[in-house]
Protein backbone atom coordinates (compact mmCIF):
# COMPACT_ATOMS: atom_id res chain seq x y z
CA UNK A 1 0.00 0.00 0.00
CA UNK A 2 1.31 3.45 -0.88
CA UNK A 3 2.48 5.89 1.75
CA UNK A 4 0.08 8.47 0.32
CA UNK A 5 -2.95 6.24 0.90
CA UNK A 6 -1.75 5.39 4.38
CA UNK A 7 -1.35 9.00 5.48
CA UNK A 8 -4.65 10.05 3.92
CA UNK A 9 -6.21 8.72 7.11
CA UNK A 10 -5.18 11.92 8.86
CA UNK A 11 -8.48 13.32 7.61
CA UNK A 12 -10.31 11.03 10.03
CA UNK A 13 -9.09 13.13 12.93
CA UNK A 14 -10.16 16.41 11.34
CA UNK A 15 -13.94 16.18 11.00
CA UNK A 16 -17.12 17.70 12.35
CA UNK A 17 -19.22 15.99 14.98
CA UNK A 18 -23.00 16.29 14.84
CA UNK A 19 -25.55 15.01 17.33
CA UNK A 20 -26.60 15.82 20.89
CA UNK A 21 -24.83 19.16 20.97
CA UNK A 22 -24.35 21.62 23.81
CA UNK A 23 -27.72 23.26 24.61
CA UNK A 24 -28.23 26.78 23.33
CA UNK A 25 -26.93 29.33 25.77
CA UNK A 26 -24.83 26.78 27.68
CA UNK A 27 -21.47 27.85 29.03
CA UNK A 28 -18.69 27.51 26.50
CA UNK A 29 -15.23 26.34 27.56
CA UNK A 30 -12.70 29.17 27.43
CA UNK A 31 -9.77 27.99 25.27
CA UNK A 32 -7.63 30.94 26.35
CA UNK A 33 -7.97 29.88 29.99
CA UNK A 34 -7.41 26.23 29.11
CA UNK A 35 -4.50 26.49 26.70
CA UNK A 36 -3.16 30.02 26.89
CA UNK A 37 -4.16 30.81 23.30
CA UNK A 38 -2.30 28.01 21.47
CA UNK A 39 -2.46 24.23 21.38
CA UNK A 40 0.36 22.39 19.58
CA UNK A 41 0.99 18.70 18.87
CA UNK A 42 3.79 16.82 17.15
CA UNK A 43 2.44 14.18 14.76
CA UNK A 44 4.32 10.90 14.82
CA UNK A 45 4.12 7.80 12.66
CA UNK A 46 5.48 4.74 14.48
CA UNK A 47 7.47 7.07 16.71
CA UNK A 48 8.93 9.25 13.94
CA UNK A 49 7.87 12.89 13.84
CA UNK A 50 6.42 13.75 10.44
CA UNK A 51 4.43 16.91 11.12
CA UNK A 52 2.50 19.07 13.54
CA UNK A 53 -0.94 20.42 14.33
CA UNK A 54 -1.47 23.90 15.78
CA UNK A 55 -4.72 25.38 17.07
CA UNK A 56 -4.84 29.15 17.70
CA UNK A 57 -7.66 30.82 19.64
CA UNK A 58 -9.06 34.35 19.59
CA UNK A 59 -11.84 35.57 21.85
CA UNK A 60 -14.03 38.65 21.44
CA UNK A 61 -16.96 39.11 23.81
CA UNK A 62 -18.96 35.85 23.54
CA UNK A 63 -17.38 34.75 20.25
CA UNK A 64 -14.43 32.37 19.94
CA UNK A 65 -12.54 31.86 16.67
CA UNK A 66 -10.41 28.73 16.28
CA UNK A 67 -7.79 28.37 13.55
CA UNK A 68 -6.37 24.89 12.88
CA UNK A 69 -3.29 24.16 10.76
CA UNK A 70 -1.96 20.65 10.17
CA UNK A 71 1.31 20.22 8.27
CA UNK A 72 2.84 16.87 7.30
CA UNK A 73 6.06 16.45 5.33
CA UNK A 74 7.28 12.89 4.87
CA UNK A 75 10.82 12.47 3.58
CA UNK A 76 12.88 9.54 2.39
CA UNK A 77 16.61 10.05 1.84
CA UNK A 78 16.06 13.80 2.32
CA UNK A 79 13.49 13.92 -0.48
CA UNK A 80 9.84 14.82 0.23
CA UNK A 81 7.63 11.93 -0.84
CA UNK A 82 4.35 13.14 0.66
CA UNK A 83 2.88 16.51 1.69
CA UNK A 84 -0.35 17.17 3.53
CA UNK A 85 -1.77 20.50 4.69
CA UNK A 86 -5.09 21.13 6.40
CA UNK A 87 -6.44 24.54 7.41
CA UNK A 88 -9.73 25.36 9.12
CA UNK A 89 -11.34 28.40 10.70
CA UNK A 90 -14.34 27.97 12.99
CA UNK A 91 -16.39 30.68 14.71
CA UNK A 92 -18.20 29.74 17.92
CA UNK A 93 -20.92 31.54 19.86
CA UNK A 94 -22.45 30.36 23.15
CA UNK A 95 -21.12 26.82 22.77
CA UNK A 96 -22.22 26.36 19.14
CA UNK A 97 -20.41 26.94 15.89
CA UNK A 98 -21.76 29.62 13.57
CA UNK A 99 -19.62 28.85 10.54
CA UNK A 100 -16.59 26.84 9.48
CA UNK A 101 -14.36 26.57 6.43
CA UNK A 102 -11.89 23.69 6.05
CA UNK A 103 -9.48 23.17 3.15
CA UNK A 104 -7.20 20.21 2.50
CA UNK A 105 -4.24 19.74 0.17
CA UNK A 106 -3.59 16.01 0.21
CA UNK A 107 -0.38 15.76 -1.82
CA UNK A 108 -1.89 17.93 -4.57
CA UNK A 109 -5.50 16.75 -4.26
CA UNK A 110 -7.57 19.72 -3.08
CA UNK A 111 -10.87 19.65 -1.18
CA UNK A 112 -13.02 22.14 0.70
CA UNK A 113 -15.83 21.70 3.24
CA UNK A 114 -17.96 24.50 4.68
CA UNK A 115 -20.65 24.60 7.37
CA UNK A 116 -22.83 27.57 8.31
CA UNK A 117 -25.89 28.19 10.44
CA UNK A 118 -29.01 29.14 8.47
CA UNK A 119 -31.96 29.60 10.82
CA UNK A 120 -32.60 26.31 12.62
CA UNK A 121 -30.41 24.29 10.25
CA UNK A 122 -26.77 23.96 9.34
CA UNK A 123 -25.87 24.02 5.65
CA UNK A 124 -22.92 21.80 4.75
CA UNK A 125 -21.12 21.82 1.41
CA UNK A 126 -18.21 19.69 0.26
CA UNK A 127 -17.02 17.06 -2.23
CA UNK A 128 -20.00 14.88 -1.24
CA UNK A 129 -22.42 17.65 -2.26
CA UNK A 130 -24.64 20.09 -0.38
CA UNK A 131 -27.08 19.13 2.37
CA UNK A 132 -28.76 20.56 5.46
CA UNK A 133 -28.65 19.18 8.99
CA UNK A 134 -31.56 19.93 11.34
CA UNK A 135 -29.24 19.58 14.34
CA UNK A 136 -26.34 21.88 15.21
CA UNK A 137 -23.00 20.51 14.06
CA UNK A 138 -20.04 20.24 16.36
CA UNK A 139 -16.48 20.63 15.01
CA UNK A 140 -14.11 17.79 15.82
CA UNK A 141 -11.24 20.14 16.59
CA UNK A 142 -10.84 18.12 19.80
CA UNK A 143 -10.01 21.08 22.06
CA UNK A 144 -13.57 21.11 23.44
CA UNK A 145 -14.37 18.20 25.79
CA UNK A 146 -18.03 18.35 24.71
CA UNK A 147 -16.89 16.54 21.57
CA UNK A 148 -17.05 13.18 23.37
CA UNK A 149 -20.83 13.62 23.84
CA UNK A 150 -21.52 13.67 20.10
CA UNK A 151 -22.76 10.73 18.02
CA UNK A 152 -21.87 11.38 14.36
CA UNK A 153 -18.94 12.75 12.43
CA UNK A 154 -18.98 14.90 9.31
CA UNK A 155 -15.61 14.28 7.67
CA UNK A 156 -14.08 17.65 6.86
CA UNK A 157 -12.29 16.22 3.82
CA UNK A 158 -15.33 14.58 2.19
CA UNK A 159 -18.37 16.27 3.74
CA UNK A 160 -19.91 12.87 4.55
CA UNK A 161 -21.46 11.87 7.88
CA UNK A 162 -19.91 8.98 9.85
CA UNK A 163 -21.59 7.47 12.91
CA UNK A 164 -19.53 7.06 16.09
CA UNK A 165 -19.85 5.98 19.70
CA UNK A 166 -17.47 7.08 22.47
CA UNK A 167 -16.43 4.88 25.42
CA UNK A 168 -14.78 6.14 28.61
CA UNK A 169 -11.90 3.78 29.44
CA UNK A 170 -10.67 5.51 32.57
CA UNK A 171 -7.55 7.36 33.73
CA UNK A 172 -3.97 6.69 32.69
CA UNK A 173 -0.67 8.48 32.17
CA UNK A 174 0.45 9.41 28.65
CA UNK A 175 3.69 10.81 27.20
CA UNK A 176 4.17 14.50 26.36
CA UNK A 177 7.24 16.45 25.33
CA UNK A 178 7.60 17.97 28.81
CA UNK A 179 7.09 14.58 30.49
CA UNK A 180 4.18 12.36 31.54
CA UNK A 181 0.65 13.77 31.83
CA UNK A 182 -2.33 12.44 33.78
CA UNK A 183 -5.30 12.02 31.45
CA UNK A 184 -8.51 10.11 30.81
CA UNK A 185 -8.81 7.82 27.80
CA UNK A 186 -11.82 7.83 25.43
CA UNK A 187 -12.21 5.45 22.50
CA UNK A 188 -14.23 6.18 19.35
CA UNK A 189 -15.76 3.24 17.50
CA UNK A 190 -18.13 2.84 14.57
CA UNK A 191 -17.29 4.44 11.24
CA UNK A 192 -14.26 6.14 12.79
CA UNK A 193 -11.83 4.49 15.19
CA UNK A 194 -9.45 6.52 17.31
CA UNK A 195 -8.37 7.12 20.90
CA UNK A 196 -8.26 10.56 22.52
CA UNK A 197 -7.12 11.78 25.95
CA UNK A 198 -8.28 14.75 28.09
CA UNK A 199 -6.95 15.90 31.47
CA UNK A 200 -9.00 16.75 34.57
CA UNK A 201 -9.57 20.34 33.41
CA UNK A 202 -10.87 19.18 30.01
CA UNK A 203 -7.73 19.93 28.02
CA UNK A 204 -7.06 17.79 24.95
CA UNK A 205 -3.64 16.20 25.55
CA UNK A 206 -3.29 13.25 23.15
CA UNK A 207 -4.67 11.36 20.13
CA UNK A 208 -3.93 8.00 18.47
CA UNK A 209 -5.26 5.98 15.56
CA UNK A 210 -4.08 3.22 13.23
CA UNK A 211 -3.37 3.81 9.56
CA UNK A 212 -4.50 1.26 6.98
CA UNK A 213 -1.03 -0.29 6.83
CA UNK A 214 -1.09 -0.87 10.58
CA UNK A 215 1.26 1.97 11.48
CA UNK A 216 0.41 4.01 14.59
CA UNK A 217 -0.29 7.73 14.31
CA UNK A 218 0.18 9.70 17.55
CA UNK A 219 -0.48 13.33 18.38
CA UNK A 220 2.01 14.08 21.18
CA UNK A 221 1.48 17.22 23.25
CA UNK A 222 4.08 19.92 22.70
CA UNK A 223 2.09 22.83 24.12
CA UNK A 224 -1.33 22.10 25.65
CA UNK A 225 -1.60 24.18 28.79
CA UNK A 226 -0.33 23.50 32.31
CA UNK A 227 -0.31 19.91 33.51
CA UNK A 228 -3.28 18.96 35.66
CA UNK A 229 -2.63 18.55 39.38
CA UNK A 230 -5.72 16.43 39.95
CA UNK A 231 -6.91 13.04 38.76
CA UNK A 232 -8.86 13.05 35.48
CA UNK A 233 -12.59 13.09 36.18
CA UNK A 234 -15.15 11.02 34.35
């Protein structure tokens, strides 16, 4: 199997989640308080660093804007054999997104997915076409712990919905660049399979999934806020 096809699975971790969303008017987590304005991960394939993901946060009154950039550059004998770049901008208000634009350059193959609120529906457009969702959509940017309460995923590369379930598998310690971090493990199953970790304050601190060739993809925390001093809560 080609390396390109293997690494195309990165799109699975960059979708939108739709389902039982945060109620209107509910308190929204403050990413500035959680992460200090930036959240950064190294991306590793079987232990080798091949890229990074950075989330940047801006807050104005009750609005939060999240910018996501994922860069992957795979080299063999100092020659780039695969490039991947993902960029997304999402605007939140009162715990719900108002609009999102995501673009992907998968080694030269371009795609774009958009989502925007229109009255009581969310209009989604992408390679799979245009459709409307009666429920609010929830972006799978992972920084917001409410993500684990969702039940379906809209892939931000294809625009298609994937069904998921999330299981709480309890606390454990995971690696980070500054040392070990206490976290709680959640496992996604269904159309998408991955493992994600949050600390006791609800910070996203790790991610793992298997590529089609069996290699392990890890997001290892480089900058994700201060380490929690308490045990991860369920």
